[in-house]
PDB file of N, CA and C in Angstrom:
ATOM      1  N   MET A   1      12.429  -1.197  -2.169  1.00  0.00           N
ATOM      2  CA  MET A   1      11.665  -0.622  -1.104  1.00  0.00           C
ATOM      3  C   MET A   1      10.987  -1.761  -0.339  1.00  0.00           C
ATOM      4  N   ARG A   2      10.530  -1.411   0.792  1.00  0.00           N
ATOM      5  CA  ARG A   2       9.801  -2.178   1.765  1.00  0.00           C
ATOM      6  C   ARG A   2       8.281  -2.037   1.595  1.00  0.00           C
ATOM      7  N   PHE A   3       7.688  -2.973   1.453  1.00  0.00           N
ATOM      8  CA  PHE A   3       6.217  -2.906   1.355  1.00  0.00           C
ATOM      9  C   PHE A   3       5.453  -3.969   2.252  1.00  0.00           C
ATOM     10  N   LEU A   4       4.248  -3.654   2.676  1.00  0.00           N
ATOM     11  CA  LEU A   4       3.383  -4.562   3.274  1.00  0.00           C
ATOM     12  C   LEU A   4       2.167  -4.453   2.400  1.00  0.00           C
ATOM     13  N   VAL A   5       1.768  -5.576   1.871  1.00  0.00           N
ATOM     14  CA  VAL A   5       0.768  -5.749   0.907  1.00  0.00           C
ATOM     15  C   VAL A   5      -0.579  -6.164   1.794  1.00  0.00           C
ATOM     16  N   ASP A   6      -1.644  -5.385   1.807  1.00  0.00           N
ATOM     17  CA  ASP A   6      -2.844  -5.756   2.532  1.00  0.00           C
ATOM     18  C   ASP A   6      -3.471  -6.996   1.834  1.00  0.00           C
ATOM     19  N   GLU A   7      -4.313  -7.684   2.745  1.00  0.00           N
ATOM     20  CA  GLU A   7      -5.102  -8.865   2.248  1.00  0.00           C
ATOM     21  C   GLU A   7      -5.908  -8.500   0.972  1.00  0.00           C
ATOM     22  N   CYS A   8      -6.615  -7.405   0.989  1.00  0.00           N
ATOM     23  CA  CYS A   8      -7.582  -7.066  -0.049  1.00  0.00           C
ATOM     24  C   CYS A   8      -6.744  -6.827  -1.295  1.00  0.00           C
ATOM     25  N   THR A   9      -5.481  -6.467  -1.228  1.00  0.00           N
ATOM     26  CA  THR A   9      -4.904  -6.041  -2.514  1.00  0.00           C
ATOM     27  C   THR A   9      -4.335  -7.438  -3.053  1.00  0.00           C
ATOM     28  N   GLY A  10      -4.038  -8.370  -2.430  1.00  0.00           N
ATOM     29  CA  GLY A  10      -3.907  -9.726  -2.879  1.00  0.00           C
ATOM     30  C   GLY A  10      -2.443 -10.211  -3.059  1.00  0.00           C
ATOM     31  N   PRO A  11      -2.283 -11.557  -3.117  1.00  0.00           N
ATOM     32  CA  PRO A  11      -0.982 -12.228  -3.059  1.00  0.00           C
ATOM     33  C   PRO A  11      -0.304 -12.039  -4.513  1.00  0.00           C
ATOM     34  N   ALA A  12      -0.967 -11.786  -5.600  1.00  0.00           N
ATOM     35  CA  ALA A  12      -0.348 -11.599  -6.900  1.00  0.00           C
ATOM     36  C   ALA A  12       0.382 -10.384  -6.936  1.00  0.00           C
ATOM     37  N   VAL A  13      -0.072  -9.258  -6.224  1.00  0.00           N
ATOM     38  CA  VAL A  13       0.610  -7.937  -6.230  1.00  0.00           C
ATOM     39  C   VAL A  13       1.889  -8.191  -5.385  1.00  0.00           C
ATOM     40  N   ALA A  14       1.748  -8.847  -4.234  1.00  0.00           N
ATOM     41  CA  ALA A  14       2.942  -9.260  -3.353  1.00  0.00           C
ATOM     42  C   ALA A  14       4.018  -9.881  -4.284  1.00  0.00           C
ATOM     43  N   GLN A  15       3.549 -10.940  -4.974  1.00  0.00           N
ATOM     44  CA  GLN A  15       4.480 -11.682  -5.604  1.00  0.00           C
ATOM     45  C   GLN A  15       5.209 -10.905  -6.751  1.00  0.00           C
ATOM     46  N   TRP A  16       4.494 -10.031  -7.403  1.00  0.00           N
ATOM     47  CA  TRP A  16       4.942  -9.274  -8.390  1.00  0.00           C
ATOM     48  C   TRP A  16       6.134  -8.220  -7.887  1.00  0.00           C
ATOM     49  N   LEU A  17       5.803  -7.641  -6.758  1.00  0.00           N
ATOM     50  CA  LEU A  17       6.698  -6.735  -6.102  1.00  0.00           C
ATOM     51  C   LEU A  17       7.933  -7.581  -5.766  1.00  0.00           C
ATOM     52  N   ARG A  18       7.798  -8.655  -5.246  1.00  0.00           N
ATOM     53  CA  ARG A  18       8.993  -9.543  -4.942  1.00  0.00           C
ATOM     54  C   ARG A  18       9.958  -9.800  -6.216  1.00  0.00           C
ATOM     55  N   LEU A  19       9.276 -10.106  -7.303  1.00  0.00           N
ATOM     56  CA  LEU A  19       9.955 -10.315  -8.571  1.00  0.00           C
ATOM     57  C   LEU A  19      10.711  -8.924  -9.032  1.00  0.00           C
ATOM     58  N   GLN A  20      10.254  -7.880  -8.612  1.00  0.00           N
ATOM     59  CA  GLN A  20      10.878  -6.629  -8.872  1.00  0.00           C
ATOM     60  C   GLN A  20      11.962  -6.253  -7.782  1.00  0.00           C
ATOM     61  N   ASN A  21      12.384  -7.244  -6.984  1.00  0.00           N
ATOM     62  CA  ASN A  21      13.279  -7.104  -5.893  1.00  0.00           C
ATOM     63  C   ASN A  21      12.997  -6.262  -4.688  1.00  0.00           C
ATOM     64  N   HIS A  22      11.775  -6.004  -4.484  1.00  0.00           N
ATOM     65  CA  HIS A  22      11.310  -5.265  -3.229  1.00  0.00           C
ATOM     66  C   HIS A  22      11.332  -6.347  -2.144  1.00  0.00           C
ATOM     67  N   ASP A  23      11.300  -5.796  -1.001  1.00  0.00           N
ATOM     68  CA  ASP A  23      11.180  -6.636   0.243  1.00  0.00           C
ATOM     69  C   ASP A  23       9.763  -6.466   0.775  1.00  0.00           C
ATOM     70  N   VAL A  24       8.974  -7.590   0.523  1.00  0.00           N
ATOM     71  CA  VAL A  24       7.618  -7.467   0.773  1.00  0.00           C
ATOM     72  C   VAL A  24       7.129  -8.632   1.887  1.00  0.00           C
ATOM     73  N   VAL A  25       6.157  -8.112   2.593  1.00  0.00           N
ATOM     74  CA  VAL A  25       5.458  -8.903   3.553  1.00  0.00           C
ATOM     75  C   VAL A  25       3.993  -8.762   3.089  1.00  0.00           C
ATOM     76  N   SER A  26       3.195  -9.963   3.088  1.00  0.00           N
ATOM     77  CA  SER A  26       1.927 -10.098   2.520  1.00  0.00           C
ATOM     78  C   SER A  26       1.021 -10.398   3.628  1.00  0.00           C
ATOM     79  N   VAL A  27      -0.027  -9.540   4.011  1.00  0.00           N
ATOM     80  CA  VAL A  27      -1.003  -9.867   4.926  1.00  0.00           C
ATOM     81  C   VAL A  27      -1.661 -11.257   4.682  1.00  0.00           C
ATOM     82  N   PHE A  28      -1.991 -11.420   3.476  1.00  0.00           N
ATOM     83  CA  PHE A  28      -2.695 -12.668   2.917  1.00  0.00           C
ATOM     84  C   PHE A  28      -1.738 -13.901   3.256  1.00  0.00           C
ATOM     85  N   ASP A  29      -0.455 -13.710   3.132  1.00  0.00           N
ATOM     86  CA  ASP A  29       0.330 -14.971   3.513  1.00  0.00           C
ATOM     87  C   ASP A  29       0.661 -15.157   4.915  1.00  0.00           C
ATOM     88  N   GLU A  30       0.671 -13.907   5.715  1.00  0.00           N
ATOM     89  CA  GLU A  30       1.409 -14.014   6.948  1.00  0.00           C
ATOM     90  C   GLU A  30       0.317 -13.798   8.198  1.00  0.00           C
ATOM     91  N   ILE A  31      -0.615 -12.920   7.922  1.00  0.00           N
ATOM     92  CA  ILE A  31      -1.328 -12.532   9.115  1.00  0.00           C
ATOM     93  C   ILE A  31      -2.923 -12.349   8.685  1.00  0.00           C
ATOM     94  N   MET A  32      -3.259 -13.323   7.845  1.00  0.00           N
ATOM     95  CA  MET A  32      -4.548 -13.262   7.168  1.00  0.00           C
ATOM     96  C   MET A  32      -5.713 -12.984   8.322  1.00  0.00           C
ATOM     97  N   GLY A  33      -6.553 -12.006   7.990  1.00  0.00           N
ATOM     98  CA  GLY A  33      -7.690 -11.677   8.873  1.00  0.00           C
ATOM     99  C   GLY A  33      -7.294 -10.600   9.871  1.00  0.00           C
ATOM    100  N   ALA A  34      -6.170 -10.162   9.879  1.00  0.00           N
ATOM    101  CA  ALA A  34      -5.682  -9.203  10.866  1.00  0.00           C
ATOM    102  C   ALA A  34      -6.521  -7.934  10.843  1.00  0.00           C
ATOM    103  N   ASP A  35      -6.633  -7.343  12.019  1.00  0.00           N
ATOM    104  CA  ASP A  35      -7.464  -5.972  12.103  1.00  0.00           C
ATOM    105  C   ASP A  35      -6.658  -4.889  11.378  1.00  0.00           C
ATOM    106  N   ASP A  36      -7.339  -3.956  10.925  1.00  0.00           N
ATOM    107  CA  ASP A  36      -6.659  -2.910  10.172  1.00  0.00           C
ATOM    108  C   ASP A  36      -5.653  -2.068  10.979  1.00  0.00           C
ATOM    109  N   ARG A  37      -5.820  -1.994  12.314  1.00  0.00           N
ATOM    110  CA  ARG A  37      -5.006  -1.269  13.249  1.00  0.00           C
ATOM    111  C   ARG A  37      -3.661  -2.107  13.496  1.00  0.00           C
ATOM    112  N   ASP A  38      -3.774  -3.455  13.492  1.00  0.00           N
ATOM    113  CA  ASP A  38      -2.758  -4.333  13.562  1.00  0.00           C
ATOM    114  C   ASP A  38      -1.858  -4.256  12.309  1.00  0.00           C
ATOM    115  N   VAL A  39      -2.447  -4.217  11.144  1.00  0.00           N
ATOM    116  CA  VAL A  39      -1.858  -4.210   9.801  1.00  0.00           C
ATOM    117  C   VAL A  39      -0.996  -2.831   9.601  1.00  0.00           C
ATOM    118  N   ILE A  40      -1.656  -1.639   9.993  1.00  0.00           N
ATOM    119  CA  ILE A  40      -0.802  -0.411   9.849  1.00  0.00           C
ATOM    120  C   ILE A  40       0.254  -0.293  11.016  1.00  0.00           C
ATOM    121  N   GLN A  41      -0.028  -0.878  12.163  1.00  0.00           N
ATOM    122  CA  GLN A  41       1.042  -0.968  13.176  1.00  0.00           C
ATOM    123  C   GLN A  41       2.197  -1.894  12.654  1.00  0.00           C
ATOM    124  N   LYS A  42       2.010  -3.023  12.113  1.00  0.00           N
ATOM    125  CA  LYS A  42       2.964  -3.904  11.694  1.00  0.00           C
ATOM    126  C   LYS A  42       3.746  -3.210  10.622  1.00  0.00           C
ATOM    127  N   ALA A  43       3.272  -2.603   9.578  1.00  0.00           N
ATOM    128  CA  ALA A  43       3.938  -1.786   8.559  1.00  0.00           C
ATOM    129  C   ALA A  43       4.792  -0.845   9.228  1.00  0.00           C
ATOM    130  N   PHE A  44       4.256  -0.021  10.076  1.00  0.00           N
ATOM    131  CA  PHE A  44       5.009   1.056  10.715  1.00  0.00           C
ATOM    132  C   PHE A  44       6.280   0.439  11.609  1.00  0.00           C
ATOM    133  N   GLU A  45       6.117  -0.588  12.341  1.00  0.00           N
ATOM    134  CA  GLU A  45       7.156  -1.161  13.040  1.00  0.00           C
ATOM    135  C   GLU A  45       8.240  -1.909  12.192  1.00  0.00           C
ATOM    136  N   GLN A  46       7.779  -2.254  11.028  1.00  0.00           N
ATOM    137  CA  GLN A  46       8.766  -2.799  10.096  1.00  0.00           C
ATOM    138  C   GLN A  46       9.274  -1.923   9.004  1.00  0.00           C
ATOM    139  N   ASN A  47       8.881  -0.645   9.202  1.00  0.00           N
ATOM    140  CA  ASN A  47       9.418   0.419   8.231  1.00  0.00           C
ATOM    141  C   ASN A  47       9.004   0.063   6.759  1.00  0.00           C
ATOM    142  N   ARG A  48       7.742  -0.271   6.670  1.00  0.00           N
ATOM    143  CA  ARG A  48       7.200  -0.671   5.339  1.00  0.00           C
ATOM    144  C   ARG A  48       6.079   0.242   4.829  1.00  0.00           C
ATOM    145  N   ILE A  49       6.022   0.428   3.557  1.00  0.00           N
ATOM    146  CA  ILE A  49       4.975   1.310   3.048  1.00  0.00           C
ATOM    147  C   ILE A  49       3.679   0.287   2.758  1.00  0.00           C
ATOM    148  N   LEU A  50       2.496   0.609   3.147  1.00  0.00           N
ATOM    149  CA  LEU A  50       1.506  -0.143   3.075  1.00  0.00           C
ATOM    150  C   LEU A  50       0.656  -0.023   1.779  1.00  0.00           C
ATOM    151  N   ILE A  51       0.413  -1.052   1.199  1.00  0.00           N
ATOM    152  CA  ILE A  51      -0.437  -0.955  -0.187  1.00  0.00           C
ATOM    153  C   ILE A  51      -1.686  -1.602   0.166  1.00  0.00           C
ATOM    154  N   THR A  52      -2.866  -0.791  -0.102  1.00  0.00           N
ATOM    155  CA  THR A  52      -4.115  -1.359   0.237  1.00  0.00           C
ATOM    156  C   THR A  52      -5.230  -0.920  -0.651  1.00  0.00           C
ATOM    157  N   ASN A  53      -6.326  -1.591  -0.650  1.00  0.00           N
ATOM    158  CA  ASN A  53      -7.450  -1.092  -1.348  1.00  0.00           C
ATOM    159  C   ASN A  53      -8.634  -0.674  -0.419  1.00  0.00           C
ATOM    160  N   ASP A  54      -8.202  -0.746   0.854  1.00  0.00           N
ATOM    161  CA  ASP A  54      -9.251  -0.555   1.764  1.00  0.00           C
ATOM    162  C   ASP A  54      -9.197   0.885   2.416  1.00  0.00           C
ATOM    163  N   LYS A  55     -10.106   1.812   2.017  1.00  0.00           N
ATOM    164  CA  LYS A  55     -10.236   3.226   2.309  1.00  0.00           C
ATOM    165  C   LYS A  55     -10.286   3.361   3.867  1.00  0.00           C
ATOM    166  N   ASP A  56     -10.561   2.387   4.771  1.00  0.00           N
ATOM    167  CA  ASP A  56     -10.553   2.702   6.135  1.00  0.00           C
ATOM    168  C   ASP A  56      -9.187   3.141   6.608  1.00  0.00           C
ATOM    169  N   PHE A  57      -8.070   2.807   5.939  1.00  0.00           N
ATOM    170  CA  PHE A  57      -6.827   3.272   6.292  1.00  0.00           C
ATOM    171  C   PHE A  57      -6.732   4.773   6.325  1.00  0.00           C
ATOM    172  N   GLY A  58      -7.512   5.528   5.447  1.00  0.00           N
ATOM    173  CA  GLY A  58      -7.483   6.849   5.473  1.00  0.00           C
ATOM    174  C   GLY A  58      -7.981   7.324   6.790  1.00  0.00           C
ATOM    175  N   GLU A  59      -9.055   6.805   7.217  1.00  0.00           N
ATOM    176  CA  GLU A  59      -9.525   7.204   8.620  1.00  0.00           C
ATOM    177  C   GLU A  59      -8.511   7.039   9.720  1.00  0.00           C
ATOM    178  N   LEU A  60      -7.780   5.772   9.589  1.00  0.00           N
ATOM    179  CA  LEU A  60      -6.714   5.581  10.643  1.00  0.00           C
ATOM    180  C   LEU A  60      -5.681   6.540  10.630  1.00  0.00           C
ATOM    181  N   VAL A  61      -5.173   7.039   9.411  1.00  0.00           N
ATOM    182  CA  VAL A  61      -4.151   7.969   9.239  1.00  0.00           C
ATOM    183  C   VAL A  61      -4.496   9.363   9.521  1.00  0.00           C
ATOM    184  N   PHE A  62      -5.752   9.805   9.024  1.00  0.00           N
ATOM    185  CA  PHE A  62      -6.035  11.245   9.178  1.00  0.00           C
ATOM    186  C   PHE A  62      -6.909  11.507  10.422  1.00  0.00           C
ATOM    187  N   ARG A  63      -7.828  10.651  10.828  1.00  0.00           N
ATOM    188  CA  ARG A  63      -8.684  10.973  11.967  1.00  0.00           C
ATOM    189  C   ARG A  63      -8.042  10.428  13.159  1.00  0.00           C
ATOM    190  N   GLU A  64      -7.514   9.314  13.178  1.00  0.00           N
ATOM    191  CA  GLU A  64      -6.828   8.653  14.374  1.00  0.00           C
ATOM    192  C   GLU A  64      -5.414   9.037  14.546  1.00  0.00           C
ATOM    193  N   LYS A  65      -4.835   9.557  13.624  1.00  0.00           N
ATOM    194  CA  LYS A  65      -3.423   9.965  13.528  1.00  0.00           C
ATOM    195  C   LYS A  65      -2.445   8.764  13.808  1.00  0.00           C
ATOM    196  N   ARG A  66      -2.771   7.701  13.263  1.00  0.00           N
ATOM    197  CA  ARG A  66      -1.877   6.395  13.384  1.00  0.00           C
ATOM    198  C   ARG A  66      -0.639   6.601  12.754  1.00  0.00           C
ATOM    199  N   PRO A  67       0.514   6.337  13.410  1.00  0.00           N
ATOM    200  CA  PRO A  67       1.802   6.570  12.659  1.00  0.00           C
ATOM    201  C   PRO A  67       1.856   5.460  11.601  1.00  0.00           C
ATOM    202  N   HIS A  68       2.616   5.889  10.485  1.00  0.00           N
ATOM    203  CA  HIS A  68       2.850   4.919   9.393  1.00  0.00           C
ATOM    204  C   HIS A  68       4.131   5.496   8.626  1.00  0.00           C
ATOM    205  N   LYS A  69       4.620   4.623   7.742  1.00  0.00           N
ATOM    206  CA  LYS A  69       5.806   4.803   6.905  1.00  0.00           C
ATOM    207  C   LYS A  69       5.340   5.101   5.459  1.00  0.00           C
ATOM    208  N   GLY A  70       4.142   5.365   5.207  1.00  0.00           N
ATOM    209  CA  GLY A  70       3.599   5.547   3.922  1.00  0.00           C
ATOM    210  C   GLY A  70       2.362   4.612   3.567  1.00  0.00           C
ATOM    211  N   VAL A  71       1.329   5.119   2.971  1.00  0.00           N
ATOM    212  CA  VAL A  71       0.140   4.287   2.576  1.00  0.00           C
ATOM    213  C   VAL A  71      -0.004   4.675   1.137  1.00  0.00           C
ATOM    214  N   ILE A  72      -0.299   3.505   0.296  1.00  0.00           N
ATOM    215  CA  ILE A  72      -0.808   3.637  -0.993  1.00  0.00           C
ATOM    216  C   ILE A  72      -2.115   3.058  -1.159  1.00  0.00           C
ATOM    217  N   LEU A  73      -3.122   3.844  -1.414  1.00  0.00           N
ATOM    218  CA  LEU A  73      -4.579   3.462  -1.424  1.00  0.00           C
ATOM    219  C   LEU A  73      -4.888   3.396  -2.901  1.00  0.00           C
ATOM    220  N   LEU A  74      -5.091   2.161  -3.400  1.00  0.00           N
ATOM    221  CA  LEU A  74      -5.429   1.801  -4.786  1.00  0.00           C
ATOM    222  C   LEU A  74      -7.073   2.000  -4.757  1.00  0.00           C
ATOM    223  N   ARG A  75      -7.555   2.889  -5.605  1.00  0.00           N
ATOM    224  CA  ARG A  75      -9.016   3.270  -5.751  1.00  0.00           C
ATOM    225  C   ARG A  75      -9.254   2.923  -7.271  1.00  0.00           C
ATOM    226  N   LEU A  76      -9.431   1.616  -7.657  1.00  0.00           N
ATOM    227  CA  LEU A  76      -9.495   1.296  -9.020  1.00  0.00           C
ATOM    228  C   LEU A  76     -10.705   0.777  -9.484  1.00  0.00           C
ATOM    229  N   GLU A  77     -11.240   1.047 -10.670  1.00  0.00           N
ATOM    230  CA  GLU A  77     -12.412   0.687 -11.231  1.00  0.00           C
ATOM    231  C   GLU A  77     -12.220  -0.879 -11.566  1.00  0.00           C
ATOM    232  N   ASP A  78     -11.055  -1.180 -12.099  1.00  0.00           N
ATOM    233  CA  ASP A  78     -10.805  -2.540 -12.408  1.00  0.00           C
ATOM    234  C   ASP A  78      -9.868  -3.306 -11.283  1.00  0.00           C
ATOM    235  N   GLU A  79     -10.494  -4.242 -10.496  1.00  0.00           N
ATOM    236  CA  GLU A  79      -9.782  -4.665  -9.290  1.00  0.00           C
ATOM    237  C   GLU A  79      -9.019  -6.036  -9.735  1.00  0.00           C
ATOM    238  N   ARG A  80      -8.834  -6.460 -10.920  1.00  0.00           N
ATOM    239  CA  ARG A  80      -8.153  -7.506 -11.278  1.00  0.00           C
ATOM    240  C   ARG A  80      -6.601  -7.273 -11.005  1.00  0.00           C
ATOM    241  N   PRO A  81      -5.887  -8.438 -10.796  1.00  0.00           N
ATOM    242  CA  PRO A  81      -4.532  -8.329 -10.204  1.00  0.00           C
ATOM    243  C   PRO A  81      -3.667  -7.639 -11.328  1.00  0.00           C
ATOM    244  N   ALA A  82      -3.900  -8.106 -12.512  1.00  0.00           N
ATOM    245  CA  ALA A  82      -3.012  -7.428 -13.602  1.00  0.00           C
ATOM    246  C   ALA A  82      -3.173  -5.846 -13.622  1.00  0.00           C
ATOM    247  N   ASN A  83      -4.400  -5.346 -13.363  1.00  0.00           N
ATOM    248  CA  ASN A  83      -4.563  -3.910 -13.366  1.00  0.00           C
ATOM    249  C   ASN A  83      -3.918  -3.385 -12.192  1.00  0.00           C
ATOM    250  N   LYS A  84      -4.012  -3.966 -11.101  1.00  0.00           N
ATOM    251  CA  LYS A  84      -3.388  -3.399  -9.772  1.00  0.00           C
ATOM    252  C   LYS A  84      -1.833  -3.393  -9.945  1.00  0.00           C
ATOM    253  N   ILE A  85      -1.247  -4.284 -10.637  1.00  0.00           N
ATOM    254  CA  ILE A  85       0.105  -4.360 -10.979  1.00  0.00           C
ATOM    255  C   ILE A  85       0.567  -3.283 -11.863  1.00  0.00           C
ATOM    256  N   ALA A  86      -0.270  -3.172 -13.016  1.00  0.00           N
ATOM    257  CA  ALA A  86      -0.022  -2.092 -13.953  1.00  0.00           C
ATOM    258  C   ALA A  86       0.089  -0.680 -13.321  1.00  0.00           C
ATOM    259  N   VAL A  87      -0.834  -0.486 -12.615  1.00  0.00           N
ATOM    260  CA  VAL A  87      -1.064   0.938 -11.834  1.00  0.00           C
ATOM    261  C   VAL A  87       0.192   1.045 -10.847  1.00  0.00           C
ATOM    262  N   LEU A  88       0.485   0.102 -10.145  1.00  0.00           N
ATOM    263  CA  LEU A  88       1.561   0.195  -9.049  1.00  0.00           C
ATOM    264  C   LEU A  88       2.986   0.326  -9.970  1.00  0.00           C
ATOM    265  N   GLN A  89       3.076  -0.316 -11.013  1.00  0.00           N
ATOM    266  CA  GLN A  89       4.213  -0.249 -11.760  1.00  0.00           C
ATOM    267  C   GLN A  89       4.522   1.325 -12.138  1.00  0.00           C
ATOM    268  N   ARG A  90       3.475   1.822 -12.703  1.00  0.00           N
ATOM    269  CA  ARG A  90       3.495   3.199 -13.197  1.00  0.00           C
ATOM    270  C   ARG A  90       3.753   4.065 -11.952  1.00  0.00           C
ATOM    271  N   LEU A  91       3.139   3.891 -10.797  1.00  0.00           N
ATOM    272  CA  LEU A  91       3.286   4.688  -9.602  1.00  0.00           C
ATOM    273  C   LEU A  91       4.841   4.611  -9.237  1.00  0.00           C
ATOM    274  N   ILE A  92       5.279   3.427  -9.084  1.00  0.00           N
ATOM    275  CA  ILE A  92       6.713   3.213  -8.572  1.00  0.00           C
ATOM    276  C   ILE A  92       7.684   3.863  -9.530  1.00  0.00           C
ATOM    277  N   GLU A  93       7.531   3.717 -10.927  1.00  0.00           N
ATOM    278  CA  GLU A  93       8.511   4.307 -11.772  1.00  0.00           C
ATOM    279  C   GLU A  93       8.471   5.761 -11.739  1.00  0.00           C
ATOM    280  N   LYS A  94       7.287   6.402 -11.616  1.00  0.00           N
ATOM    281  CA  LYS A  94       7.200   7.878 -11.684  1.00  0.00           C
ATOM    282  C   LYS A  94       7.385   8.685 -10.230  1.00  0.00           C
ATOM    283  N   TYR A  95       6.989   7.944  -9.289  1.00  0.00           N
ATOM    284  CA  TYR A  95       6.822   8.566  -7.980  1.00  0.00           C
ATOM    285  C   TYR A  95       7.621   7.814  -6.791  1.00  0.00           C
ATOM    286  N   GLU A  96       8.584   7.040  -7.235  1.00  0.00           N
ATOM    287  CA  GLU A  96       9.231   6.214  -6.205  1.00  0.00           C
ATOM    288  C   GLU A  96       9.821   7.139  -5.023  1.00  0.00           C
ATOM    289  N   LYS A  97      10.229   8.268  -5.258  1.00  0.00           N
ATOM    290  CA  LYS A  97      10.893   8.998  -4.107  1.00  0.00           C
ATOM    291  C   LYS A  97       9.812   9.674  -3.320  1.00  0.00           C
ATOM    292  N   SER A  98       8.615   9.854  -3.726  1.00  0.00           N
ATOM    293  CA  SER A  98       7.442  10.380  -3.015  1.00  0.00           C
ATOM    294  C   SER A  98       6.629   9.363  -2.150  1.00  0.00           C
ATOM    295  N   LEU A  99       7.013   8.146  -2.333  1.00  0.00           N
ATOM    296  CA  LEU A  99       6.218   7.044  -1.615  1.00  0.00           C
ATOM    297  C   LEU A  99       6.419   6.997  -0.172  1.00  0.00           C
ATOM    298  N   PRO A 100       7.735   7.033   0.305  1.00  0.00           N
ATOM    299  CA  PRO A 100       7.890   6.804   1.833  1.00  0.00           C
ATOM    300  C   PRO A 100       7.302   7.998   2.655  1.00  0.00           C
ATOM    301  N   GLY A 101       6.576   7.751   3.606  1.00  0.00           N
ATOM    302  CA  GLY A 101       5.998   8.748   4.429  1.00  0.00           C
ATOM    303  C   GLY A 101       4.811   9.435   4.199  1.00  0.00           C
ATOM    304  N   ASN A 102       4.308   9.259   2.890  1.00  0.00           N
ATOM    305  CA  ASN A 102       3.213   9.981   2.464  1.00  0.00           C
ATOM    306  C   ASN A 102       1.865   9.133   2.233  1.00  0.00           C
ATOM    307  N   PHE A 103       0.778   9.774   2.211  1.00  0.00           N
ATOM    308  CA  PHE A 103      -0.479   9.079   1.902  1.00  0.00           C
ATOM    309  C   PHE A 103      -0.875   9.309   0.377  1.00  0.00           C
ATOM    310  N   ILE A 104      -0.886   8.227  -0.256  1.00  0.00           N
ATOM    311  CA  ILE A 104      -1.038   8.337  -1.772  1.00  0.00           C
ATOM    312  C   ILE A 104      -2.284   7.489  -2.270  1.00  0.00           C
ATOM    313  N   VAL A 105      -3.280   8.213  -2.961  1.00  0.00           N
ATOM    314  CA  VAL A 105      -4.365   7.773  -3.525  1.00  0.00           C
ATOM    315  C   VAL A 105      -4.172   7.567  -5.084  1.00  0.00           C
ATOM    316  N   VAL A 106      -4.252   6.473  -5.564  1.00  0.00           N
ATOM    317  CA  VAL A 106      -3.965   6.140  -6.889  1.00  0.00           C
ATOM    318  C   VAL A 106      -5.238   5.468  -7.650  1.00  0.00           C
ATOM    319  N   THR A 107      -5.595   6.103  -8.866  1.00  0.00           N
ATOM    320  CA  THR A 107      -6.664   5.497  -9.611  1.00  0.00           C
ATOM    321  C   THR A 107      -5.782   5.142 -10.960  1.00  0.00           C
ATOM    322  N   GLU A 108      -6.562   4.615 -12.008  1.00  0.00           N
ATOM    323  CA  GLU A 108      -6.085   4.159 -13.269  1.00  0.00           C
ATOM    324  C   GLU A 108      -5.466   5.453 -13.885  1.00  0.00           C
ATOM    325  N   THR A 109      -6.091   6.728 -13.566  1.00  0.00           N
ATOM    326  CA  THR A 109      -5.646   7.880 -14.371  1.00  0.00           C
ATOM    327  C   THR A 109      -5.009   9.007 -13.469  1.00  0.00           C
ATOM    328  N   THR A 110      -5.131   8.908 -12.099  1.00  0.00           N
ATOM    329  CA  THR A 110      -4.610   9.965 -11.310  1.00  0.00           C
ATOM    330  C   THR A 110      -3.762   9.385 -10.095  1.00  0.00           C
ATOM    331  N   VAL A 111      -2.938  10.322  -9.694  1.00  0.00           N
ATOM    332  CA  VAL A 111      -2.153  10.046  -8.481  1.00  0.00           C
ATOM    333  C   VAL A 111      -2.244  11.239  -7.590  1.00  0.00           C
ATOM    334  N   ARG A 112      -2.744  11.206  -6.348  1.00  0.00           N
ATOM    335  CA  ARG A 112      -2.818  12.332  -5.372  1.00  0.00           C
ATOM    336  C   ARG A 112      -2.000  12.013  -4.165  1.00  0.00           C
ATOM    337  N   ILE A 113      -0.899  12.736  -3.972  1.00  0.00           N
ATOM    338  CA  ILE A 113      -0.012  12.563  -2.916  1.00  0.00           C
ATOM    339  C   ILE A 113      -0.299  13.560  -1.860  1.00  0.00           C
ATOM    340  N   THR A 114      -0.604  13.143  -0.582  1.00  0.00           N
ATOM    341  CA  THR A 114      -0.818  13.930   0.637  1.00  0.00           C
ATOM    342  C   THR A 114       0.565  13.839   1.385  1.00  0.00           C
ATOM    343  N   GLU A 115       1.282  14.934   1.431  1.00  0.00           N
ATOM    344  CA  GLU A 115       2.544  14.899   2.187  1.00  0.00           C
ATOM    345  C   GLU A 115       2.347  14.959   3.612  1.00  0.00           C
ATOM    346  N   MET A 116       2.833  14.157   4.413  1.00  0.00           N
ATOM    347  CA  MET A 116       2.598  14.040   5.789  1.00  0.00           C
ATOM    348  C   MET A 116       3.817  14.637   6.606  1.00  0.00           C
ATOM    349  N   ALA A 117       3.496  15.690   7.384  1.00  0.00           N
ATOM    350  CA  ALA A 117       4.512  16.429   8.145  1.00  0.00           C
ATOM    351  C   ALA A 117       5.183  15.556   9.201  1.00  0.00           C
TER     352      ALA A 117
END
């Protein structure tokens, strides 16, 4: 799969995804400090699912109707990289086909998928 990992999600997540043979662009590595609108635009233009911890992307998608190829919003109690990776691993294993094009909110115990028309 093709992902864009937001700066707040971190380089460890991007590296882990690469090790899983995904095509990954990291905001931290490539466009650090980019505006959220630029980040979601880059993900859209490059046909990438955005992985973020920043709930502002919900506003961009639902209120501003910004186009996207899928957004995974991590809403975690434990923000350590190992926990982010564990949660993403479970998500990808169980919901891989539902990731593209949808807005997904993930916690340690729940997954909420909003299908985008």
